[in-house]
Protein backbone atom coordinates (compact mmCIF):
# COMPACT_ATOMS: atom_id res chain seq x y z
CA MET A 1 -8.22 -6.80 0.37
CA GLN A 2 -7.38 -10.58 -0.39
CA ARG A 3 -3.62 -9.93 0.39
CA ARG A 4 -2.65 -12.67 2.75
CA SER A 5 -2.17 -15.45 -0.09
CA PHE A 6 0.82 -13.62 -1.55
CA LEU A 7 2.66 -13.83 1.86
CA LYS A 8 2.54 -17.68 1.54
CA ASN A 9 3.98 -17.54 -2.09
CA THR A 10 7.37 -16.43 -1.05
CA LEU A 11 10.08 -19.11 -2.06
CA LEU A 12 12.17 -19.05 -5.29
CA THR A 13 14.33 -22.13 -5.91
CA THR A 14 15.85 -21.91 -9.21
CA GLY A 15 19.59 -22.10 -9.54
CA SER A 16 19.57 -18.77 -11.65
CA PHE A 17 17.88 -16.89 -8.75
CA ALA A 18 20.23 -18.30 -6.12
CA ALA A 19 23.33 -17.00 -8.30
CA ALA A 20 21.62 -13.49 -8.55
CA THR A 21 20.96 -13.58 -4.73
CA ALA A 22 24.69 -14.28 -4.12
CA ALA A 23 25.73 -11.62 -6.44
CA PHE A 24 23.27 -8.98 -4.75
CA GLY A 25 24.62 -9.92 -1.35
CA GLN A 26 27.97 -8.72 -2.50
CA THR A 27 26.74 -5.09 -2.81
CA LYS A 28 28.06 -2.50 -0.38
CA THR A 29 25.70 0.19 0.74
CA ASN A 30 27.78 1.60 3.57
CA VAL A 31 24.67 2.24 5.72
CA SER A 32 24.78 1.56 9.58
CA LYS A 33 21.92 -0.74 10.88
CA GLY A 34 19.18 1.42 12.26
CA GLN A 35 19.75 4.49 10.10
CA PRO A 36 16.58 5.82 8.74
CA PHE A 37 16.17 5.38 4.80
CA HIS A 38 15.90 8.23 2.38
CA LEU A 39 12.10 7.23 1.78
CA ASP A 40 9.62 6.35 4.24
CA TYR A 41 9.28 2.46 3.49
CA ALA A 42 6.43 0.72 5.61
CA PRO A 43 6.63 -2.99 6.48
CA HIS A 44 3.42 -4.88 7.58
CA ASP A 45 2.64 -7.50 10.24
CA GLY A 46 4.31 -10.98 9.69
CA MET A 47 7.07 -9.25 7.58
CA PHE A 48 9.72 -9.79 10.39
CA ALA A 49 7.90 -12.25 12.61
CA THR A 50 11.02 -14.60 12.81
CA SER A 51 13.38 -11.85 14.08
CA GLY A 52 11.16 -9.53 15.75
CA GLY A 53 8.58 -11.95 17.23
CA LYS A 54 4.97 -13.07 16.55
CA ASP A 55 3.42 -10.07 18.51
CA PHE A 56 2.98 -7.15 16.10
CA ILE A 57 4.01 -4.51 18.74
CA ASP A 58 7.33 -6.34 19.15
CA GLN A 59 7.64 -6.49 15.44
CA ILE A 60 6.98 -2.68 15.11
CA LYS A 61 9.89 -2.04 17.65
CA TYR A 62 12.06 -4.23 15.71
CA MET A 63 11.24 -2.47 12.37
CA HIS A 64 12.11 0.89 14.13
CA ASP A 65 15.55 -0.66 15.21
CA LEU A 66 16.13 -1.48 11.38
CA GLY A 67 15.58 2.03 10.37
CA PHE A 68 11.82 1.99 9.19
CA ARG A 69 9.64 4.90 10.32
CA SER A 70 6.18 3.78 9.23
CA ILE A 71 3.98 0.63 9.13
CA GLU A 72 0.95 -0.70 7.18
CA ASP A 73 -1.71 -2.93 8.31
CA ASN A 74 -4.50 -3.69 5.77
CA GLY A 75 -6.44 -5.49 8.49
CA MET A 76 -6.53 -3.08 11.20
CA THR A 77 -10.27 -2.83 11.36
CA GLY A 78 -10.40 -6.32 12.40
CA ARG A 79 -8.13 -5.86 15.34
CA SER A 80 -9.63 -5.21 18.83
CA THR A 81 -10.00 -1.84 20.11
CA GLU A 82 -7.37 -2.42 22.59
CA GLN A 83 -4.94 -3.59 19.97
CA GLN A 84 -5.86 -0.51 17.66
CA THR A 85 -4.97 1.85 20.58
CA LYS A 86 -1.60 0.08 21.61
CA ILE A 87 -0.43 0.03 18.20
CA GLY A 88 -1.15 3.76 17.84
CA GLU A 89 0.51 4.43 21.14
CA THR A 90 3.60 2.45 20.24
CA LEU A 91 3.87 4.35 17.00
CA ALA A 92 3.53 7.81 18.61
CA LYS A 93 6.27 6.79 21.21
CA LEU A 94 8.67 5.68 18.51
CA GLY A 95 8.07 8.58 16.31
CA MET A 96 6.62 6.48 13.39
CA ARG A 97 3.69 6.89 11.20
CA MET A 98 0.68 4.69 10.46
CA GLY A 99 0.25 3.98 6.84
CA VAL A 100 -3.14 2.69 5.30
CA PHE A 101 -5.59 0.25 6.51
CA VAL A 102 -8.41 -1.00 4.28
CA VAL A 103 -12.03 0.44 4.52
CA PRO A 104 -14.16 -2.45 5.31
CA LYS A 105 -16.63 -2.81 2.39
CA GLY A 106 -16.70 -6.60 1.90
CA GLY A 107 -13.83 -7.36 -0.41
CA ASN A 108 -12.25 -5.79 -3.49
CA GLY A 109 -15.03 -6.76 -6.00
CA ALA A 110 -17.84 -6.70 -3.57
CA ASN A 111 -20.61 -4.09 -3.20
CA THR A 112 -19.71 -2.26 -6.18
CA LEU A 113 -20.30 1.35 -6.22
CA ALA A 114 -20.66 1.31 -9.97
CA ALA A 115 -24.14 -0.12 -9.75
CA LYS A 116 -25.72 2.75 -7.80
CA LYS A 117 -27.33 0.20 -5.45
CA LYS A 118 -28.24 1.61 -2.08
CA GLU A 119 -27.18 -1.45 -0.29
CA HIS A 120 -23.78 -1.41 -1.79
CA VAL A 121 -23.39 2.32 -0.89
CA ASP A 122 -24.63 1.89 2.61
CA ILE A 123 -22.19 -0.68 3.24
CA PHE A 124 -19.35 1.43 2.03
CA LEU A 125 -20.48 4.46 3.91
CA GLU A 126 -20.73 2.36 7.17
CA GLY A 127 -17.19 1.27 6.41
CA CYS A 128 -16.15 4.81 6.15
CA ARG A 129 -17.64 5.67 9.45
CA LYS A 130 -16.16 2.74 11.16
CA SER A 131 -12.63 3.62 9.68
CA VAL A 132 -12.81 7.08 11.28
CA GLU A 133 -13.00 5.71 14.52
CA VAL A 134 -10.44 3.13 14.06
CA ALA A 135 -8.13 5.85 12.49
CA LYS A 136 -8.40 7.91 15.63
CA ARG A 137 -7.07 4.95 17.72
CA CYS A 138 -4.01 4.14 15.67
CA ASN A 139 -3.19 7.78 14.39
CA ALA A 140 -3.82 6.71 10.63
CA LYS A 141 -4.19 9.52 7.86
CA TRP A 142 -4.95 7.34 4.88
CA VAL A 143 -7.45 4.61 4.19
CA THR A 144 -7.67 2.32 1.14
CA VAL A 145 -10.87 2.04 -0.83
CA VAL A 146 -11.40 -0.09 -3.87
CA PRO A 147 -14.73 0.65 -5.53
CA GLY A 148 -15.50 -3.00 -6.66
CA ASP A 149 -16.30 -4.79 -9.82
CA PHE A 150 -17.90 -3.41 -13.12
CA GLU A 151 -21.45 -3.54 -13.29
CA LYS A 152 -21.31 -4.69 -16.98
CA ASN A 153 -25.16 -4.08 -17.75
CA LEU A 154 -24.57 -0.35 -17.41
CA PRO A 155 -22.52 2.01 -19.79
CA LEU A 156 -19.05 2.80 -18.51
CA SER A 157 -19.68 6.58 -18.23
CA ILE A 158 -22.65 5.70 -16.01
CA GLN A 159 -20.80 3.58 -13.95
CA THR A 160 -18.11 6.11 -13.58
CA ALA A 161 -20.74 8.76 -12.50
CA ASN A 162 -22.01 6.37 -9.96
CA VAL A 163 -18.59 5.74 -8.40
CA ILE A 164 -17.90 9.35 -8.28
CA GLU A 165 -21.24 10.09 -6.53
CA ALA A 166 -20.55 7.37 -3.98
CA LEU A 167 -17.03 8.62 -3.36
CA ARG A 168 -18.19 12.06 -2.75
CA ARG A 169 -20.35 10.92 -0.06
CA GLY A 170 -17.45 8.97 1.46
CA ALA A 171 -15.08 12.05 1.19
CA GLU A 172 -17.79 14.08 3.18
CA ILE A 173 -17.39 11.51 6.05
CA PHE A 174 -13.65 11.62 6.11
CA GLU A 175 -12.94 15.42 5.42
CA PRO A 176 -13.80 16.77 9.03
CA HIS A 177 -11.29 14.40 10.39
CA GLY A 178 -8.31 14.96 8.02
CA ILE A 179 -8.52 11.58 6.63
CA VAL A 180 -7.82 10.70 3.06
CA MET A 181 -9.15 7.81 1.36
CA VAL A 182 -6.81 6.51 -1.30
CA LEU A 183 -8.23 4.84 -4.30
CA GLU A 184 -6.41 1.76 -5.55
CA PRO A 185 -6.59 0.60 -9.02
CA LEU A 186 -5.84 -3.30 -9.09
CA SER A 187 -4.41 -5.86 -11.35
CA ASP A 188 -6.02 -8.98 -9.69
CA THR A 189 -8.78 -9.51 -12.11
CA PRO A 190 -10.18 -7.67 -15.08
CA ASP A 191 -13.53 -7.60 -13.42
CA LEU A 192 -12.48 -4.82 -11.22
CA PHE A 193 -13.88 -1.40 -12.19
CA LEU A 194 -10.60 0.56 -11.17
CA ARG A 195 -7.62 -0.78 -13.04
CA TYR A 196 -5.40 2.35 -14.16
CA SER A 197 -3.77 5.38 -12.75
CA THR A 198 -5.20 7.93 -15.26
CA GLN A 199 -8.60 6.50 -14.82
CA THR A 200 -8.19 7.04 -11.07
CA TYR A 201 -6.90 10.54 -11.45
CA GLU A 202 -10.03 11.52 -13.56
CA ILE A 203 -12.29 10.16 -10.83
CA CYS A 204 -10.26 12.07 -8.09
CA LYS A 205 -10.57 15.36 -10.25
CA ALA A 206 -14.37 14.80 -10.32
CA VAL A 207 -14.84 13.87 -6.70
CA ASP A 208 -12.84 17.28 -5.99
CA SER A 209 -11.99 16.55 -2.23
CA PRO A 210 -8.86 16.62 -0.40
CA SER A 211 -10.18 13.34 1.14
CA CYS A 212 -10.20 11.46 -2.26
CA LYS A 213 -6.77 10.72 -3.79
CA ILE A 214 -4.68 7.88 -5.58
CA LEU A 215 -2.88 4.95 -3.98
CA TYR A 216 -0.37 4.22 -6.57
CA ASP A 217 0.77 0.58 -6.16
CA ALA A 218 3.64 0.26 -8.65
CA TYR A 219 3.27 -3.67 -8.69
CA HIS A 220 -0.26 -3.50 -10.02
CA MET A 221 0.49 -0.60 -12.30
CA GLN A 222 3.43 -2.44 -13.72
CA LYS A 223 1.21 -5.27 -14.54
CA ASN A 224 -1.87 -3.01 -16.07
CA GLU A 225 0.03 -0.16 -17.70
CA GLY A 226 3.74 -0.09 -17.16
CA ASN A 227 5.52 3.31 -17.93
CA LEU A 228 5.72 3.84 -14.16
CA ILE A 229 7.73 6.96 -13.88
CA LYS A 230 5.80 8.78 -16.61
CA ASN A 231 2.43 7.81 -15.25
CA ILE A 232 3.35 8.89 -11.75
CA GLU A 233 4.38 12.15 -13.12
CA LEU A 234 1.08 12.63 -15.04
CA CYS A 235 -1.01 11.89 -11.93
CA TRP A 236 1.42 13.45 -9.36
CA ASP A 237 -0.82 16.06 -7.81
CA GLU A 238 -3.46 13.41 -6.85
CA ILE A 239 -0.89 10.87 -5.53
CA PRO A 240 -0.24 11.15 -1.65
CA TYR A 241 0.58 7.49 -1.24
CA ILE A 242 2.63 4.71 -2.97
CA GLN A 243 2.91 1.07 -2.71
CA VAL A 244 5.41 -1.24 -4.24
CA GLY A 245 6.19 -4.88 -4.82
CA ASP A 246 8.40 -6.24 -7.82
CA ASN A 247 7.05 -8.05 -10.91
CA PRO A 248 6.66 -10.92 -11.52
CA GLY A 249 6.23 -12.53 -8.15
CA ARG A 250 5.12 -9.71 -5.89
CA ARG A 251 8.29 -9.81 -3.71
CA GLU A 252 10.81 -7.37 -2.51
CA PRO A 253 12.45 -4.89 -5.02
CA SER A 254 15.39 -6.37 -7.12
CA THR A 255 13.51 -9.73 -7.40
CA GLY A 256 11.79 -9.03 -10.70
CA GLU A 257 11.86 -6.51 -13.59
CA VAL A 258 11.14 -3.19 -12.08
CA ASN A 259 14.23 -0.70 -11.54
CA TYR A 260 13.25 0.42 -8.24
CA LYS A 261 16.34 2.25 -7.47
CA ASN A 262 15.27 4.62 -10.50
CA VAL A 263 11.65 4.82 -9.33
CA PHE A 264 12.86 5.78 -5.75
CA LYS A 265 15.13 8.31 -7.03
CA PHE A 266 12.56 9.84 -8.98
CA LEU A 267 10.32 10.09 -5.95
CA TYR A 268 13.04 11.52 -3.85
CA GLU A 269 13.92 14.26 -6.28
CA LYS A 270 10.28 15.08 -6.72
CA GLY A 271 10.22 15.77 -2.99
CA TYR A 272 7.94 12.86 -2.07
CA LYS A 273 7.34 12.85 1.84
CA GLY A 274 4.74 10.16 1.93
CA VAL A 275 4.80 6.54 2.94
CA VAL A 276 6.14 3.91 0.57
CA GLY A 277 4.16 0.72 1.60
CA MET A 278 6.02 -2.66 1.29
CA GLU A 279 2.97 -4.44 -0.23
CA HIS A 280 4.66 -7.70 -1.18
CA GLY A 281 5.81 -10.99 0.17
CA LEU A 282 9.44 -12.24 0.63
CA SER A 283 11.58 -14.28 -1.73
CA LYS A 284 13.05 -16.37 1.04
CA SER A 285 11.59 -17.73 4.31
CA GLY A 286 12.61 -17.22 7.81
CA LYS A 287 15.48 -15.06 9.07
CA GLU A 288 17.35 -15.34 5.90
CA GLY A 289 14.44 -13.82 3.95
CA GLU A 290 14.06 -11.03 6.44
CA GLU A 291 17.72 -10.12 6.33
CA ARG A 292 17.50 -10.12 2.57
CA LEU A 293 14.53 -7.93 2.57
CA VAL A 294 16.35 -5.12 4.47
CA GLN A 295 19.41 -5.57 2.31
CA ALA A 296 17.31 -5.30 -0.86
CA TYR A 297 15.58 -1.99 0.40
CA ARG A 298 19.15 -0.68 1.45
CA GLU A 299 20.40 -1.28 -1.91
CA VAL A 300 17.40 0.31 -3.91
CA ASP A 301 17.45 3.34 -1.43
CA SER A 302 21.14 4.00 -2.13
CA PHE A 303 20.25 6.43 -4.94
CA VAL A 304 21.84 9.57 -3.27
């Protein structure tokens, strides 16, 4: 999913940001350490590597101690079978959920389903079959799918039909196992076929499967379309999974322009019980950044 680069881009050094951070640090949330959040926020590997240790299992235990009850791991399919199993066992013991991992199909733009090329579809379907086995080991219920780039020599309606046809075949693989592939519209490049929440909604309705739904990443959708709460509401019945990151910068809530306290309040009042993936980097490095990360989520979670 080409997501490792944003973890490196984590430092803001301007004086105005330092002043904002100081003011933010004075906020009182009156929440004891380790108390679960109102929503189910899910950190990922490396997010607490300084405080929790380099080993992902140790990080998961540390996340639980902080009050988190889910994790994400986009690269789960690249881990060893032993690691996948151990992660699943650790989550089960702690009463935590496994969030999304990415279906291996060659990258965001690669092997586009819009082209209706057999070799592209075969790679996608093989990735779906592999993901079923991985999901069993780590107790995953959601897997991320990005259909690929536009096939620009074809009319858009034909491309859309091709994507729907391929996704129906993928859904047939996942349905017997109760696994949901969540389609993620992205803002990384205008070459990507899937870019808008309403476009994704239309495709999910056409696939017409409980195993084909929307991954609504508020960072990407803020860049592509804005109007977050309204668009989430419009697509609500097809959204079982949400990810976040503030914009600009793709860092923790409160570092950008999105009022995540209002967004999370809306989700809570709608009765959202799914995972909220923390799909972003940190504004500061080391232990200071990790402490601020938790503080930021405590603040935006204080909507009740």
